[in-house]
């Protein structure tokens, strides 16, 4: 597992190189995904480690997009948005290529990572992308990463927005149950809210307001 960890960390590093906070973003998402695996889904340790690695490379497909588009401060045009959404397909394809180059070893882990990269923007109500999957059609790992990806995006300050407080994020999660998110995951996470909030407060967000 140590070799695989180094490989996936290297993939994430290359994909996010030079992007402000992007490396910390993927690491936080991976950390949160492992927490959900352990404390909400009660997965075995090995499965939590695999979920963490898959989450670490969930945005690898963005390496195929122009940096000026990713850094655009204002709203994207419909054409630009559609182009950016293709990072999910690019990510799946990149990881599939690496898996083949890796000689077929640890195929289950690479398959999990490809699912997460492709489907982490699908929504419970079927209004996500790239395929418009809904409910349990979306692989569980992708549902987990979608949830924690949104949490981190809302908490994170950006040049064009302030980071939200945890209470604001929690309200958005509750409102998004069975629409954006798997409600079972949201309910389970809020049942261990205090432990998760401790983990959140340990991350590098600048000043995090909890109220």
C-alpha atoms as a PDB file:
ATOM      1  CA  UNK A   1       0.000   0.000   0.000  1.00  0.00           C
ATOM      2  CA  UNK A   2       2.929   2.351   0.628  1.00  0.00           C
ATOM      3  CA  UNK A   3       3.956   2.182  -3.042  1.00  0.00           C
ATOM      4  CA  UNK A   4       0.390   2.826  -4.154  1.00  0.00           C
ATOM      5  CA  UNK A   5       0.069   5.745  -1.758  1.00  0.00           C
ATOM      6  CA  UNK A   6       3.207   7.306  -3.220  1.00  0.00           C
ATOM      7  CA  UNK A   7       1.911   6.740  -6.753  1.00  0.00           C
ATOM      8  CA  UNK A   8      -1.472   8.334  -6.076  1.00  0.00           C
ATOM      9  CA  UNK A   9       0.108  11.235  -4.193  1.00  0.00           C
ATOM     10  CA  UNK A  10       2.362  11.827  -7.197  1.00  0.00           C
ATOM     11  CA  UNK A  11      -0.592  11.770  -9.582  1.00  0.00           C
ATOM     12  CA  UNK A  12      -2.403  14.329  -7.424  1.00  0.00           C
ATOM     13  CA  UNK A  13       0.701  16.513  -7.162  1.00  0.00           C
ATOM     14  CA  UNK A  14       1.199  16.653 -10.920  1.00  0.00           C
ATOM     15  CA  UNK A  15      -2.489  17.348 -11.542  1.00  0.00           C
ATOM     16  CA  UNK A  16      -2.636  20.226  -9.058  1.00  0.00           C
ATOM     17  CA  UNK A  17       0.876  21.641  -9.516  1.00  0.00           C
ATOM     18  CA  UNK A  18       0.921  25.428  -9.453  1.00  0.00           C
ATOM     19  CA  UNK A  19      -2.737  25.842  -8.495  1.00  0.00           C
ATOM     20  CA  UNK A  20      -3.265  27.888  -5.304  1.00  0.00           C
ATOM     21  CA  UNK A  21      -4.772  25.709  -2.555  1.00  0.00           C
ATOM     22  CA  UNK A  22      -5.633  22.917  -5.012  1.00  0.00           C
ATOM     23  CA  UNK A  23      -3.159  20.489  -3.464  1.00  0.00           C
ATOM     24  CA  UNK A  24      -4.575  21.147  -0.017  1.00  0.00           C
ATOM     25  CA  UNK A  25      -8.104  20.807  -1.420  1.00  0.00           C
ATOM     26  CA  UNK A  26      -7.572  17.284  -2.726  1.00  0.00           C
ATOM     27  CA  UNK A  27      -5.819  16.252   0.481  1.00  0.00           C
ATOM     28  CA  UNK A  28      -8.694  17.583   2.579  1.00  0.00           C
ATOM     29  CA  UNK A  29     -11.236  15.825   0.382  1.00  0.00           C
ATOM     30  CA  UNK A  30      -9.288  12.589   0.743  1.00  0.00           C
ATOM     31  CA  UNK A  31      -9.101  13.023   4.520  1.00  0.00           C
ATOM     32  CA  UNK A  32     -12.824  13.706   4.777  1.00  0.00           C
ATOM     33  CA  UNK A  33     -13.664  10.754   2.525  1.00  0.00           C
ATOM     34  CA  UNK A  34     -11.684   8.439   4.772  1.00  0.00           C
ATOM     35  CA  UNK A  35     -13.523   9.850   7.797  1.00  0.00           C
ATOM     36  CA  UNK A  36     -16.898   9.124   6.186  1.00  0.00           C
ATOM     37  CA  UNK A  37     -15.745   5.636   5.282  1.00  0.00           C
ATOM     38  CA  UNK A  38     -14.648   4.921   8.839  1.00  0.00           C
ATOM     39  CA  UNK A  39     -17.257   6.743  10.933  1.00  0.00           C
ATOM     40  CA  UNK A  40     -20.382   6.768   8.755  1.00  0.00           C
ATOM     41  CA  UNK A  41     -20.095   3.663   6.581  1.00  0.00           C
ATOM     42  CA  UNK A  42     -18.035   1.720   9.150  1.00  0.00           C
ATOM     43  CA  UNK A  43     -15.836   0.259   6.430  1.00  0.00           C
ATOM     44  CA  UNK A  44     -12.786  -1.869   7.258  1.00  0.00           C
ATOM     45  CA  UNK A  45      -9.489  -0.005   7.485  1.00  0.00           C
ATOM     46  CA  UNK A  46      -8.246  -1.302   4.127  1.00  0.00           C
ATOM     47  CA  UNK A  47     -11.422  -0.087   2.396  1.00  0.00           C
ATOM     48  CA  UNK A  48     -11.077   3.333   4.038  1.00  0.00           C
ATOM     49  CA  UNK A  49      -7.510   3.585   2.776  1.00  0.00           C
ATOM     50  CA  UNK A  50      -8.638   2.738  -0.755  1.00  0.00           C
ATOM     51  CA  UNK A  51     -11.415   5.332  -0.579  1.00  0.00           C
ATOM     52  CA  UNK A  52      -8.903   7.931   0.593  1.00  0.00           C
ATOM     53  CA  UNK A  53      -6.569   7.223  -2.324  1.00  0.00           C
ATOM     54  CA  UNK A  54      -9.401   7.309  -4.858  1.00  0.00           C
ATOM     55  CA  UNK A  55     -10.562  10.650  -3.452  1.00  0.00           C
ATOM     56  CA  UNK A  56      -7.040  12.040  -3.676  1.00  0.00           C
ATOM     57  CA  UNK A  57      -7.117  11.849  -7.492  1.00  0.00           C
ATOM     58  CA  UNK A  58     -10.785  12.755  -8.031  1.00  0.00           C
ATOM     59  CA  UNK A  59      -9.910  15.944  -9.956  1.00  0.00           C
ATOM     60  CA  UNK A  60      -6.956  14.602 -11.956  1.00  0.00           C
ATOM     61  CA  UNK A  61      -8.856  15.310 -15.186  1.00  0.00           C
ATOM     62  CA  UNK A  62      -8.487  19.058 -14.649  1.00  0.00           C
ATOM     63  CA  UNK A  63      -4.905  18.713 -15.873  1.00  0.00           C
ATOM     64  CA  UNK A  64      -6.403  18.536 -19.378  1.00  0.00           C
ATOM     65  CA  UNK A  65      -8.141  21.914 -19.033  1.00  0.00           C
ATOM     66  CA  UNK A  66      -6.673  25.382 -19.727  1.00  0.00           C
ATOM     67  CA  UNK A  67      -5.506  26.984 -16.475  1.00  0.00           C
ATOM     68  CA  UNK A  68      -7.013  30.351 -17.416  1.00  0.00           C
ATOM     69  CA  UNK A  69     -10.419  28.694 -17.572  1.00  0.00           C
ATOM     70  CA  UNK A  70     -10.018  27.084 -14.158  1.00  0.00           C
ATOM     71  CA  UNK A  71      -8.893  30.421 -12.705  1.00  0.00           C
ATOM     72  CA  UNK A  72     -11.668  32.506 -14.271  1.00  0.00           C
ATOM     73  CA  UNK A  73     -13.031  34.647 -11.416  1.00  0.00           C
ATOM     74  CA  UNK A  74     -16.510  35.199 -12.847  1.00  0.00           C
ATOM     75  CA  UNK A  75     -19.289  32.837 -13.979  1.00  0.00           C
ATOM     76  CA  UNK A  76     -18.545  30.452 -16.815  1.00  0.00           C
ATOM     77  CA  UNK A  77     -20.473  30.653 -20.054  1.00  0.00           C
ATOM     78  CA  UNK A  78     -22.618  27.600 -20.915  1.00  0.00           C
ATOM     79  CA  UNK A  79     -19.975  26.454 -23.413  1.00  0.00           C
ATOM     80  CA  UNK A  80     -17.184  26.922 -20.890  1.00  0.00           C
ATOM     81  CA  UNK A  81     -19.156  25.056 -18.239  1.00  0.00           C
ATOM     82  CA  UNK A  82     -19.736  22.139 -20.572  1.00  0.00           C
ATOM     83  CA  UNK A  83     -16.032  22.075 -21.411  1.00  0.00           C
ATOM     84  CA  UNK A  84     -15.012  22.093 -17.729  1.00  0.00           C
ATOM     85  CA  UNK A  85     -17.439  19.273 -16.990  1.00  0.00           C
ATOM     86  CA  UNK A  86     -15.379  17.056 -19.276  1.00  0.00           C
ATOM     87  CA  UNK A  87     -12.690  16.890 -16.576  1.00  0.00           C
ATOM     88  CA  UNK A  88     -14.626  13.935 -15.177  1.00  0.00           C
ATOM     89  CA  UNK A  89     -14.194  11.958 -18.411  1.00  0.00           C
ATOM     90  CA  UNK A  90     -10.578  13.059 -18.764  1.00  0.00           C
ATOM     91  CA  UNK A  91      -9.899  11.899 -15.218  1.00  0.00           C
ATOM     92  CA  UNK A  92     -11.362   8.469 -15.869  1.00  0.00           C
ATOM     93  CA  UNK A  93      -9.328   8.127 -19.059  1.00  0.00           C
ATOM     94  CA  UNK A  94      -6.067   9.260 -17.426  1.00  0.00           C
ATOM     95  CA  UNK A  95      -6.457   6.798 -14.577  1.00  0.00           C
ATOM     96  CA  UNK A  96      -7.370   3.997 -16.979  1.00  0.00           C
ATOM     97  CA  UNK A  97      -4.160   4.684 -18.923  1.00  0.00           C
ATOM     98  CA  UNK A  98      -2.064   4.668 -15.747  1.00  0.00           C
ATOM     99  CA  UNK A  99      -3.725   1.415 -14.670  1.00  0.00           C
ATOM    100  CA  UNK A 100      -2.757  -0.234 -17.952  1.00  0.00           C
ATOM    101  CA  UNK A 101       0.804   1.067 -17.620  1.00  0.00           C
ATOM    102  CA  UNK A 102       0.892  -0.284 -14.071  1.00  0.00           C
ATOM    103  CA  UNK A 103       0.517  -3.759 -15.484  1.00  0.00           C
ATOM    104  CA  UNK A 104      -2.938  -4.620 -14.200  1.00  0.00           C
ATOM    105  CA  UNK A 105      -1.837  -4.766 -10.563  1.00  0.00           C
ATOM    106  CA  UNK A 106      -4.269  -3.482  -7.941  1.00  0.00           C
ATOM    107  CA  UNK A 107      -6.961  -3.264 -10.581  1.00  0.00           C
ATOM    108  CA  UNK A 108      -9.759  -2.908  -8.031  1.00  0.00           C
ATOM    109  CA  UNK A 109      -8.217   0.261  -6.610  1.00  0.00           C
ATOM    110  CA  UNK A 110      -7.765   1.799 -10.033  1.00  0.00           C
ATOM    111  CA  UNK A 111     -11.340   0.860 -10.929  1.00  0.00           C
ATOM    112  CA  UNK A 112     -12.562   2.605  -7.775  1.00  0.00           C
ATOM    113  CA  UNK A 113     -10.496   5.700  -8.587  1.00  0.00           C
ATOM    114  CA  UNK A 114     -11.877   5.782 -12.130  1.00  0.00           C
ATOM    115  CA  UNK A 115     -15.443   5.610 -10.802  1.00  0.00           C
ATOM    116  CA  UNK A 116     -14.784   8.471  -8.392  1.00  0.00           C
ATOM    117  CA  UNK A 117     -13.127  10.634 -11.054  1.00  0.00           C
ATOM    118  CA  UNK A 118     -15.965  10.054 -13.521  1.00  0.00           C
ATOM    119  CA  UNK A 119     -18.975  10.276 -11.220  1.00  0.00           C
ATOM    120  CA  UNK A 120     -18.099  12.652  -8.354  1.00  0.00           C
ATOM    121  CA  UNK A 121     -20.291  15.392  -9.850  1.00  0.00           C
ATOM    122  CA  UNK A 122     -23.390  13.222 -10.208  1.00  0.00           C
ATOM    123  CA  UNK A 123     -26.359  14.219  -8.028  1.00  0.00           C
ATOM    124  CA  UNK A 124     -28.855  12.065  -6.153  1.00  0.00           C
ATOM    125  CA  UNK A 125     -31.730  13.589  -8.174  1.00  0.00           C
ATOM    126  CA  UNK A 126     -30.085  12.827 -11.522  1.00  0.00           C
ATOM    127  CA  UNK A 127     -29.249  16.440 -12.387  1.00  0.00           C
ATOM    128  CA  UNK A 128     -25.481  16.020 -12.205  1.00  0.00           C
ATOM    129  CA  UNK A 129     -22.911  15.129 -14.836  1.00  0.00           C
ATOM    130  CA  UNK A 130     -21.475  13.583 -16.975  1.00  0.00           C
ATOM    131  CA  UNK A 131     -24.135  10.869 -17.318  1.00  0.00           C
ATOM    132  CA  UNK A 132     -27.048  12.108 -15.208  1.00  0.00           C
ATOM    133  CA  UNK A 133     -27.029   9.065 -12.944  1.00  0.00           C
ATOM    134  CA  UNK A 134     -29.331   9.111  -9.929  1.00  0.00           C
ATOM    135  CA  UNK A 135     -29.690   7.462  -6.536  1.00  0.00           C
ATOM    136  CA  UNK A 136     -27.893   4.119  -6.184  1.00  0.00           C
ATOM    137  CA  UNK A 137     -26.888   4.195  -9.846  1.00  0.00           C
ATOM    138  CA  UNK A 138     -24.046   6.415  -8.610  1.00  0.00           C
ATOM    139  CA  UNK A 139     -21.242   4.324  -7.094  1.00  0.00           C
ATOM    140  CA  UNK A 140     -21.113   4.745  -3.313  1.00  0.00           C
ATOM    141  CA  UNK A 141     -17.517   6.003  -3.336  1.00  0.00           C
ATOM    142  CA  UNK A 142     -18.463   8.736  -5.816  1.00  0.00           C
ATOM    143  CA  UNK A 143     -21.404   9.746  -3.610  1.00  0.00           C
ATOM    144  CA  UNK A 144     -19.039  10.073  -0.663  1.00  0.00           C
ATOM    145  CA  UNK A 145     -16.503  12.146  -2.586  1.00  0.00           C
ATOM    146  CA  UNK A 146     -19.228  14.372  -4.026  1.00  0.00           C
ATOM    147  CA  UNK A 147     -20.447  15.143  -0.516  1.00  0.00           C
ATOM    148  CA  UNK A 148     -17.063  15.966   0.984  1.00  0.00           C
ATOM    149  CA  UNK A 149     -15.931  17.819  -2.151  1.00  0.00           C
ATOM    150  CA  UNK A 150     -18.883  20.185  -1.777  1.00  0.00           C
ATOM    151  CA  UNK A 151     -18.217  20.566   1.946  1.00  0.00           C
ATOM    152  CA  UNK A 152     -14.621  21.594   1.322  1.00  0.00           C
ATOM    153  CA  UNK A 153     -15.558  23.928  -1.544  1.00  0.00           C
ATOM    154  CA  UNK A 154     -18.054  25.737   0.678  1.00  0.00           C
ATOM    155  CA  UNK A 155     -15.636  26.036   3.596  1.00  0.00           C
ATOM    156  CA  UNK A 156     -12.754  27.261   1.454  1.00  0.00           C
ATOM    157  CA  UNK A 157     -12.184  30.992   0.888  1.00  0.00           C
ATOM    158  CA  UNK A 158     -11.399  32.001  -2.675  1.00  0.00           C
ATOM    159  CA  UNK A 159     -10.376  35.326  -4.269  1.00  0.00           C
ATOM    160  CA  UNK A 160     -13.995  35.762  -5.362  1.00  0.00           C
ATOM    161  CA  UNK A 161     -15.744  34.530  -2.179  1.00  0.00           C
ATOM    162  CA  UNK A 162     -15.388  34.068   1.552  1.00  0.00           C
ATOM    163  CA  UNK A 163     -15.412  30.650   3.122  1.00  0.00           C
ATOM    164  CA  UNK A 164     -18.719  29.671   4.715  1.00  0.00           C
ATOM    165  CA  UNK A 165     -19.132  28.837   8.378  1.00  0.00           C
ATOM    166  CA  UNK A 166     -19.781  25.239   9.379  1.00  0.00           C
ATOM    167  CA  UNK A 167     -23.387  26.098  10.289  1.00  0.00           C
ATOM    168  CA  UNK A 168     -23.940  27.516   6.802  1.00  0.00           C
ATOM    169  CA  UNK A 169     -22.450  24.379   5.268  1.00  0.00           C
ATOM    170  CA  UNK A 170     -24.560  22.151   7.498  1.00  0.00           C
ATOM    171  CA  UNK A 171     -27.718  23.985   6.422  1.00  0.00           C
ATOM    172  CA  UNK A 172     -26.797  23.446   2.765  1.00  0.00           C
ATOM    173  CA  UNK A 173     -26.245  19.737   3.420  1.00  0.00           C
ATOM    174  CA  UNK A 174     -29.623  19.355   5.070  1.00  0.00           C
ATOM    175  CA  UNK A 175     -31.364  21.255   2.278  1.00  0.00           C
ATOM    176  CA  UNK A 176     -29.554  19.098  -0.291  1.00  0.00           C
ATOM    177  CA  UNK A 177     -30.553  15.731   1.201  1.00  0.00           C
ATOM    178  CA  UNK A 178     -32.030  13.425  -1.457  1.00  0.00           C
ATOM    179  CA  UNK A 179     -31.586  16.199  -4.026  1.00  0.00           C
ATOM    180  CA  UNK A 180     -27.871  16.827  -4.364  1.00  0.00           C
ATOM    181  CA  UNK A 181     -26.593  14.310  -1.803  1.00  0.00           C
ATOM    182  CA  UNK A 182     -27.274  10.805  -0.600  1.00  0.00           C
ATOM    183  CA  UNK A 183     -29.392  11.567   2.462  1.00  0.00           C
ATOM    184  CA  UNK A 184     -28.079   8.515   4.281  1.00  0.00           C
ATOM    185  CA  UNK A 185     -24.574   9.918   4.109  1.00  0.00           C
ATOM    186  CA  UNK A 186     -25.647  13.367   5.301  1.00  0.00           C
ATOM    187  CA  UNK A 187     -27.632  11.902   8.207  1.00  0.00           C
ATOM    188  CA  UNK A 188     -24.752   9.658   9.196  1.00  0.00           C
ATOM    189  CA  UNK A 189     -22.244  12.498   9.022  1.00  0.00           C
ATOM    190  CA  UNK A 190     -24.368  14.778  11.201  1.00  0.00           C
ATOM    191  CA  UNK A 191     -24.650  11.990  13.761  1.00  0.00           C
ATOM    192  CA  UNK A 192     -20.870  12.256  14.235  1.00  0.00           C
ATOM    193  CA  UNK A 193     -20.809  16.009  13.657  1.00  0.00           C
ATOM    194  CA  UNK A 194     -18.622  16.903  16.638  1.00  0.00           C
ATOM    195  CA  UNK A 195     -15.847  14.514  15.576  1.00  0.00           C
ATOM    196  CA  UNK A 196     -16.046  15.703  11.971  1.00  0.00           C
ATOM    197  CA  UNK A 197     -15.950  19.352  13.022  1.00  0.00           C
ATOM    198  CA  UNK A 198     -12.761  18.672  14.986  1.00  0.00           C
ATOM    199  CA  UNK A 199     -11.252  17.289  11.803  1.00  0.00           C
ATOM    200  CA  UNK A 200     -12.434  20.308   9.804  1.00  0.00           C
ATOM    201  CA  UNK A 201     -10.970  22.749  12.307  1.00  0.00           C
ATOM    202  CA  UNK A 202      -7.588  21.039  12.015  1.00  0.00           C
ATOM    203  CA  UNK A 203      -7.372  21.887   8.303  1.00  0.00           C
ATOM    204  CA  UNK A 204      -5.825  24.962   6.681  1.00  0.00           C
ATOM    205  CA  UNK A 205      -8.739  27.274   5.941  1.00  0.00           C
ATOM    206  CA  UNK A 206      -7.482  30.449   7.542  1.00  0.00           C
ATOM    207  CA  UNK A 207     -10.002  31.568  10.145  1.00  0.00           C
ATOM    208  CA  UNK A 208     -12.941  29.178  10.332  1.00  0.00           C
ATOM    209  CA  UNK A 209     -16.100  30.591  11.872  1.00  0.00           C
ATOM    210  CA  UNK A 210     -18.178  27.836  13.441  1.00  0.00           C
ATOM    211  CA  UNK A 211     -21.329  29.786  14.189  1.00  0.00           C
END
